Amino acid sequence: LVSLLLIGIAAWGIGFGLISSFRVVGVAIAVGIFLFLIALVGLIGAVKHHQVLLFFYMIILLLVFIVQLSVSCASLALNKEQQSQLLEVGWNNTNSARTDIERNLNCCGFRVFDPNETCSSDCFRSHQCQPCAPIIEEYSGMVLRFVGGIGLFFSFTEILGVWLTYRYRNQKDPRANPSAFL
């Protein structure tokens, strides 16, 4: 479900012109496909009662849980100053995201508006633009809390999946010959 949601959001962002960075969309689609394939491995392992597939599914799901839990906790633990520093580093290191932000939020520059620089915003023609930092910081806190909470919720469902896989993996296949296990 999460994998299809990631792929759908990436396609929606491209379709509406909100995201033009191929790297961002490519990473979102790649993670979505990876999670879908892992879910497929778990499903096949459960249906076939294949212990090796269930073991790999359990290990990979545990690693995904660890990464997702750490990212969720980090996004919930960032204070305003750390968010501001992180946003400034991101602003200085990407040109395509900067262009998308300026166009979508109708702002120019990060901390100060400089009429001598180029900007893809509509307000640039009238030289009445606001800097982007206050607008981005307003949204970033809300988005980080939302993403951190959703990630925390799904990380605990993943650890439940690891536990259930561990329990199911050690059971005998009821369709198998009972004398084969002796």
C-alpha atoms as a PDB file:
ATOM      1  CA  LEU A   1       0.000   0.000   0.000  1.00  0.00           C
ATOM      2  CA  VAL A   2       2.782   2.414   0.927  1.00  0.00           C
ATOM      3  CA  SER A   3       4.718   1.522  -2.213  1.00  0.00           C
ATOM      4  CA  LEU A   4       1.777   2.252  -4.487  1.00  0.00           C
ATOM      5  CA  LEU A   5       1.154   5.486  -2.577  1.00  0.00           C
ATOM      6  CA  LEU A   6       4.769   6.606  -3.173  1.00  0.00           C
ATOM      7  CA  ILE A   7       4.562   5.854  -6.883  1.00  0.00           C
ATOM      8  CA  GLY A   8       1.194   7.626  -7.135  1.00  0.00           C
ATOM      9  CA  ILE A   9       2.408  10.756  -5.334  1.00  0.00           C
ATOM     10  CA  ALA A  10       5.476  10.968  -7.578  1.00  0.00           C
ATOM     11  CA  ALA A  11       3.316  10.654 -10.685  1.00  0.00           C
ATOM     12  CA  TRP A  12       0.871  13.247  -9.310  1.00  0.00           C
ATOM     13  CA  GLY A  13       3.724  15.687  -8.640  1.00  0.00           C
ATOM     14  CA  ILE A  14       4.989  15.375 -12.198  1.00  0.00           C
ATOM     15  CA  GLY A  15       1.497  15.484 -13.705  1.00  0.00           C
ATOM     16  CA  PHE A  16       0.589  18.763 -12.036  1.00  0.00           C
ATOM     17  CA  GLY A  17       4.021  20.285 -12.615  1.00  0.00           C
ATOM     18  CA  LEU A  18       4.806  20.604  -8.910  1.00  0.00           C
ATOM     19  CA  ILE A  19       8.072  18.682  -9.207  1.00  0.00           C
ATOM     20  CA  SER A  20      10.442  18.940 -12.137  1.00  0.00           C
ATOM     21  CA  SER A  21      13.478  17.301 -10.550  1.00  0.00           C
ATOM     22  CA  PHE A  22      14.009  13.874 -12.091  1.00  0.00           C
ATOM     23  CA  ARG A  23      16.131  12.783  -9.115  1.00  0.00           C
ATOM     24  CA  VAL A  24      13.365  13.367  -6.575  1.00  0.00           C
ATOM     25  CA  VAL A  25      10.753  11.601  -8.670  1.00  0.00           C
ATOM     26  CA  GLY A  26      13.158   8.812  -9.590  1.00  0.00           C
ATOM     27  CA  VAL A  27      14.043   8.136  -5.962  1.00  0.00           C
ATOM     28  CA  ALA A  28      10.369   8.112  -4.910  1.00  0.00           C
ATOM     29  CA  ILE A  29       9.447   5.702  -7.711  1.00  0.00           C
ATOM     30  CA  ALA A  30      12.487   3.478  -7.029  1.00  0.00           C
ATOM     31  CA  VAL A  31      11.656   3.238  -3.312  1.00  0.00           C
ATOM     32  CA  GLY A  32       8.023   2.484  -4.182  1.00  0.00           C
ATOM     33  CA  ILE A  33       9.014  -0.299  -6.586  1.00  0.00           C
ATOM     34  CA  PHE A  34      11.492  -1.703  -4.039  1.00  0.00           C
ATOM     35  CA  LEU A  35       8.816  -1.816  -1.315  1.00  0.00           C
ATOM     36  CA  PHE A  36       6.340  -3.385  -3.731  1.00  0.00           C
ATOM     37  CA  LEU A  37       8.822  -6.132  -4.658  1.00  0.00           C
ATOM     38  CA  ILE A  38       9.582  -6.797  -0.993  1.00  0.00           C
ATOM     39  CA  ALA A  39       5.855  -7.121  -0.268  1.00  0.00           C
ATOM     40  CA  LEU A  40       5.548  -9.491  -3.217  1.00  0.00           C
ATOM     41  CA  VAL A  41       8.400 -11.641  -1.838  1.00  0.00           C
ATOM     42  CA  GLY A  42       6.608 -11.816   1.514  1.00  0.00           C
ATOM     43  CA  LEU A  43       3.315 -12.711  -0.121  1.00  0.00           C
ATOM     44  CA  ILE A  44       4.845 -15.473  -2.247  1.00  0.00           C
ATOM     45  CA  GLY A  45       6.773 -16.779   0.755  1.00  0.00           C
ATOM     46  CA  ALA A  46       3.602 -16.910   2.867  1.00  0.00           C
ATOM     47  CA  VAL A  47       1.485 -18.569   0.175  1.00  0.00           C
ATOM     48  CA  LYS A  48       4.120 -21.160  -0.728  1.00  0.00           C
ATOM     49  CA  HIS A  49       5.265 -21.466   2.902  1.00  0.00           C
ATOM     50  CA  HIS A  50       8.828 -20.997   1.655  1.00  0.00           C
ATOM     51  CA  GLN A  51      11.062 -20.474   4.678  1.00  0.00           C
ATOM     52  CA  VAL A  52      13.979 -18.914   2.803  1.00  0.00           C
ATOM     53  CA  LEU A  53      11.795 -16.258   1.140  1.00  0.00           C
ATOM     54  CA  LEU A  54      10.146 -15.521   4.484  1.00  0.00           C
ATOM     55  CA  PHE A  55      13.559 -15.199   6.130  1.00  0.00           C
ATOM     56  CA  PHE A  56      14.777 -12.686   3.524  1.00  0.00           C
ATOM     57  CA  TYR A  57      11.469 -10.831   3.744  1.00  0.00           C
ATOM     58  CA  MET A  58      11.808 -10.650   7.521  1.00  0.00           C
ATOM     59  CA  ILE A  59      15.406  -9.393   7.398  1.00  0.00           C
ATOM     60  CA  ILE A  60      14.722  -6.767   4.720  1.00  0.00           C
ATOM     61  CA  LEU A  61      11.566  -5.627   6.519  1.00  0.00           C
ATOM     62  CA  LEU A  62      13.586  -5.292   9.741  1.00  0.00           C
ATOM     63  CA  LEU A  63      16.163  -3.130   7.938  1.00  0.00           C
ATOM     64  CA  VAL A  64      13.389  -0.981   6.434  1.00  0.00           C
ATOM     65  CA  PHE A  65      11.903  -0.652   9.933  1.00  0.00           C
ATOM     66  CA  ILE A  66      15.214   0.555  11.384  1.00  0.00           C
ATOM     67  CA  VAL A  67      15.739   3.126   8.615  1.00  0.00           C
ATOM     68  CA  GLN A  68      12.139   4.337   8.729  1.00  0.00           C
ATOM     69  CA  LEU A  69      12.081   4.602  12.520  1.00  0.00           C
ATOM     70  CA  SER A  70      15.322   6.586  12.582  1.00  0.00           C
ATOM     71  CA  VAL A  71      14.168   8.975   9.836  1.00  0.00           C
ATOM     72  CA  SER A  72      10.782   9.448  11.527  1.00  0.00           C
ATOM     73  CA  CYS A  73      12.355  10.174  14.910  1.00  0.00           C
ATOM     74  CA  ALA A  74      14.835  12.577  13.316  1.00  0.00           C
ATOM     75  CA  SER A  75      12.097  14.476  11.505  1.00  0.00           C
ATOM     76  CA  LEU A  76      10.089  14.781  14.720  1.00  0.00           C
ATOM     77  CA  ALA A  77      13.133  15.878  16.756  1.00  0.00           C
ATOM     78  CA  LEU A  78      14.272  18.769  14.539  1.00  0.00           C
ATOM     79  CA  ASN A  79      13.874  22.183  16.141  1.00  0.00           C
ATOM     80  CA  LYS A  80      13.295  25.443  14.230  1.00  0.00           C
ATOM     81  CA  GLU A  81      16.977  26.350  14.017  1.00  0.00           C
ATOM     82  CA  GLN A  82      17.943  22.922  12.667  1.00  0.00           C
ATOM     83  CA  GLN A  83      15.083  23.056  10.156  1.00  0.00           C
ATOM     84  CA  SER A  84      16.238  26.465   8.993  1.00  0.00           C
ATOM     85  CA  GLN A  85      19.831  25.263   8.531  1.00  0.00           C
ATOM     86  CA  LEU A  86      18.667  22.165   6.678  1.00  0.00           C
ATOM     87  CA  LEU A  87      16.449  24.226   4.374  1.00  0.00           C
ATOM     88  CA  GLU A  88      19.277  26.654   3.614  1.00  0.00           C
ATOM     89  CA  VAL A  89      21.651  23.818   2.715  1.00  0.00           C
ATOM     90  CA  GLY A  90      18.993  22.313   0.459  1.00  0.00           C
ATOM     91  CA  TRP A  91      18.293  25.706  -1.123  1.00  0.00           C
ATOM     92  CA  ASN A  92      21.963  26.307  -1.905  1.00  0.00           C
ATOM     93  CA  ASN A  93      22.581  22.831  -3.339  1.00  0.00           C
ATOM     94  CA  THR A  94      19.673  22.422  -5.769  1.00  0.00           C
ATOM     95  CA  ASN A  95      18.723  24.602  -8.709  1.00  0.00           C
ATOM     96  CA  SER A  96      15.699  22.692 -10.001  1.00  0.00           C
ATOM     97  CA  ALA A  97      14.022  22.550  -6.579  1.00  0.00           C
ATOM     98  CA  ARG A  98      14.742  26.257  -6.089  1.00  0.00           C
ATOM     99  CA  THR A  99      13.028  27.056  -9.384  1.00  0.00           C
ATOM    100  CA  ASP A 100      10.013  24.891  -8.467  1.00  0.00           C
ATOM    101  CA  ILE A 101       9.693  26.530  -5.047  1.00  0.00           C
ATOM    102  CA  GLU A 102       9.947  30.049  -6.427  1.00  0.00           C
ATOM    103  CA  ARG A 103       7.360  29.319  -9.101  1.00  0.00           C
ATOM    104  CA  ASN A 104       4.875  27.497  -6.831  1.00  0.00           C
ATOM    105  CA  LEU A 105       5.144  29.739  -3.749  1.00  0.00           C
ATOM    106  CA  ASN A 106       5.473  33.010  -5.702  1.00  0.00           C
ATOM    107  CA  CYS A 107       8.634  34.153  -3.919  1.00  0.00           C
ATOM    108  CA  CYS A 108      12.233  34.973  -4.866  1.00  0.00           C
ATOM    109  CA  GLY A 109      15.503  34.458  -3.016  1.00  0.00           C
ATOM    110  CA  PHE A 110      15.949  32.606   0.238  1.00  0.00           C
ATOM    111  CA  ARG A 111      16.470  35.186   2.983  1.00  0.00           C
ATOM    112  CA  VAL A 112      16.372  38.436   0.964  1.00  0.00           C
ATOM    113  CA  PHE A 113      14.855  39.406  -2.368  1.00  0.00           C
ATOM    114  CA  ASP A 114      17.503  40.600  -4.828  1.00  0.00           C
ATOM    115  CA  PRO A 115      16.010  42.185  -7.992  1.00  0.00           C
ATOM    116  CA  ASN A 116      19.330  41.683  -9.826  1.00  0.00           C
ATOM    117  CA  GLU A 117      19.076  37.866  -9.701  1.00  0.00           C
ATOM    118  CA  THR A 118      16.874  35.798 -11.986  1.00  0.00           C
ATOM    119  CA  CYS A 119      13.678  34.313 -10.636  1.00  0.00           C
ATOM    120  CA  SER A 120      10.928  32.218 -12.240  1.00  0.00           C
ATOM    121  CA  SER A 121       8.153  33.629 -10.054  1.00  0.00           C
ATOM    122  CA  ASP A 122       5.305  35.804 -11.351  1.00  0.00           C
ATOM    123  CA  CYS A 123       6.003  38.503  -8.749  1.00  0.00           C
ATOM    124  CA  PHE A 124       9.511  39.045 -10.165  1.00  0.00           C
ATOM    125  CA  ARG A 125       8.169  41.194 -13.002  1.00  0.00           C
ATOM    126  CA  SER A 126       6.709  43.715 -10.556  1.00  0.00           C
ATOM    127  CA  HIS A 127       9.702  43.493  -8.143  1.00  0.00           C
ATOM    128  CA  GLN A 128       7.276  42.967  -5.219  1.00  0.00           C
ATOM    129  CA  CYS A 129       8.437  39.506  -4.136  1.00  0.00           C
ATOM    130  CA  GLN A 130       8.852  38.159  -0.636  1.00  0.00           C
ATOM    131  CA  PRO A 131      11.799  35.977   0.343  1.00  0.00           C
ATOM    132  CA  CYS A 132      11.065  32.255   0.319  1.00  0.00           C
ATOM    133  CA  ALA A 133      12.531  31.311   3.722  1.00  0.00           C
ATOM    134  CA  PRO A 134       9.578  32.385   5.916  1.00  0.00           C
ATOM    135  CA  ILE A 135       7.067  30.675   3.632  1.00  0.00           C
ATOM    136  CA  ILE A 136       9.083  27.450   3.436  1.00  0.00           C
ATOM    137  CA  GLU A 137       9.748  27.386   7.192  1.00  0.00           C
ATOM    138  CA  GLU A 138       6.025  27.705   7.885  1.00  0.00           C
ATOM    139  CA  TYR A 139       5.271  24.654   5.760  1.00  0.00           C
ATOM    140  CA  SER A 140       8.345  22.626   6.710  1.00  0.00           C
ATOM    141  CA  GLY A 141       7.492  22.299  10.392  1.00  0.00           C
ATOM    142  CA  MET A 142       3.995  21.083   9.578  1.00  0.00           C
ATOM    143  CA  VAL A 143       5.232  18.683   6.900  1.00  0.00           C
ATOM    144  CA  LEU A 144       7.997  17.257   9.101  1.00  0.00           C
ATOM    145  CA  ARG A 145       5.549  16.533  11.922  1.00  0.00           C
ATOM    146  CA  PHE A 146       3.078  14.933   9.498  1.00  0.00           C
ATOM    147  CA  VAL A 147       5.700  12.814   7.726  1.00  0.00           C
ATOM    148  CA  GLY A 148       7.318  11.836  11.033  1.00  0.00           C
ATOM    149  CA  GLY A 149       3.989  10.731  12.493  1.00  0.00           C
ATOM    150  CA  ILE A 150       3.000   8.736   9.415  1.00  0.00           C
ATOM    151  CA  GLY A 151       6.460   7.162   9.278  1.00  0.00           C
ATOM    152  CA  LEU A 152       6.299   6.269  12.960  1.00  0.00           C
ATOM    153  CA  PHE A 153       2.889   4.636  12.497  1.00  0.00           C
ATOM    154  CA  PHE A 154       4.034   2.554   9.522  1.00  0.00           C
ATOM    155  CA  SER A 155       7.305   1.624  11.214  1.00  0.00           C
ATOM    156  CA  PHE A 156       5.366  -0.021  14.040  1.00  0.00           C
ATOM    157  CA  THR A 157       3.185  -1.886  11.559  1.00  0.00           C
ATOM    158  CA  GLU A 158       6.415  -3.103   9.930  1.00  0.00           C
ATOM    159  CA  ILE A 159       7.776  -4.440  13.214  1.00  0.00           C
ATOM    160  CA  LEU A 160       4.439  -6.238  13.641  1.00  0.00           C
ATOM    161  CA  GLY A 161       5.014  -7.745  10.176  1.00  0.00           C
ATOM    162  CA  VAL A 162       8.510  -8.870  11.205  1.00  0.00           C
ATOM    163  CA  TRP A 163       7.128 -10.516  14.335  1.00  0.00           C
ATOM    164  CA  LEU A 164       4.303 -12.258  12.429  1.00  0.00           C
ATOM    165  CA  THR A 165       6.751 -13.433   9.761  1.00  0.00           C
ATOM    166  CA  TYR A 166       9.027 -14.841  12.442  1.00  0.00           C
ATOM    167  CA  ARG A 167       6.107 -16.687  14.031  1.00  0.00           C
ATOM    168  CA  TYR A 168       4.731 -17.980  10.721  1.00  0.00           C
ATOM    169  CA  ARG A 169       8.146 -18.952   9.358  1.00  0.00           C
ATOM    170  CA  ASN A 170       8.776 -21.429  12.169  1.00  0.00           C
ATOM    171  CA  GLN A 171       5.494 -23.286  11.725  1.00  0.00           C
ATOM    172  CA  LYS A 172       5.276 -26.503   9.782  1.00  0.00           C
ATOM    173  CA  ASP A 173       3.493 -26.452   6.449  1.00  0.00           C
ATOM    174  CA  PRO A 174       0.109 -28.127   7.047  1.00  0.00           C
ATOM    175  CA  ARG A 175      -0.023 -29.317   3.422  1.00  0.00           C
ATOM    176  CA  ALA A 176       3.334 -31.080   3.628  1.00  0.00           C
ATOM    177  CA  ASN A 177       3.850 -34.721   4.468  1.00  0.00           C
ATOM    178  CA  PRO A 178       4.057 -34.920   8.286  1.00  0.00           C
ATOM    179  CA  SER A 179       6.615 -37.710   8.153  1.00  0.00           C
ATOM    180  CA  ALA A 180       8.978 -35.491   6.110  1.00  0.00           C
ATOM    181  CA  PHE A 181       9.826 -33.462   9.213  1.00  0.00           C
ATOM    182  CA  LEU A 182      10.941 -36.498  11.260  1.00  0.00           C
END
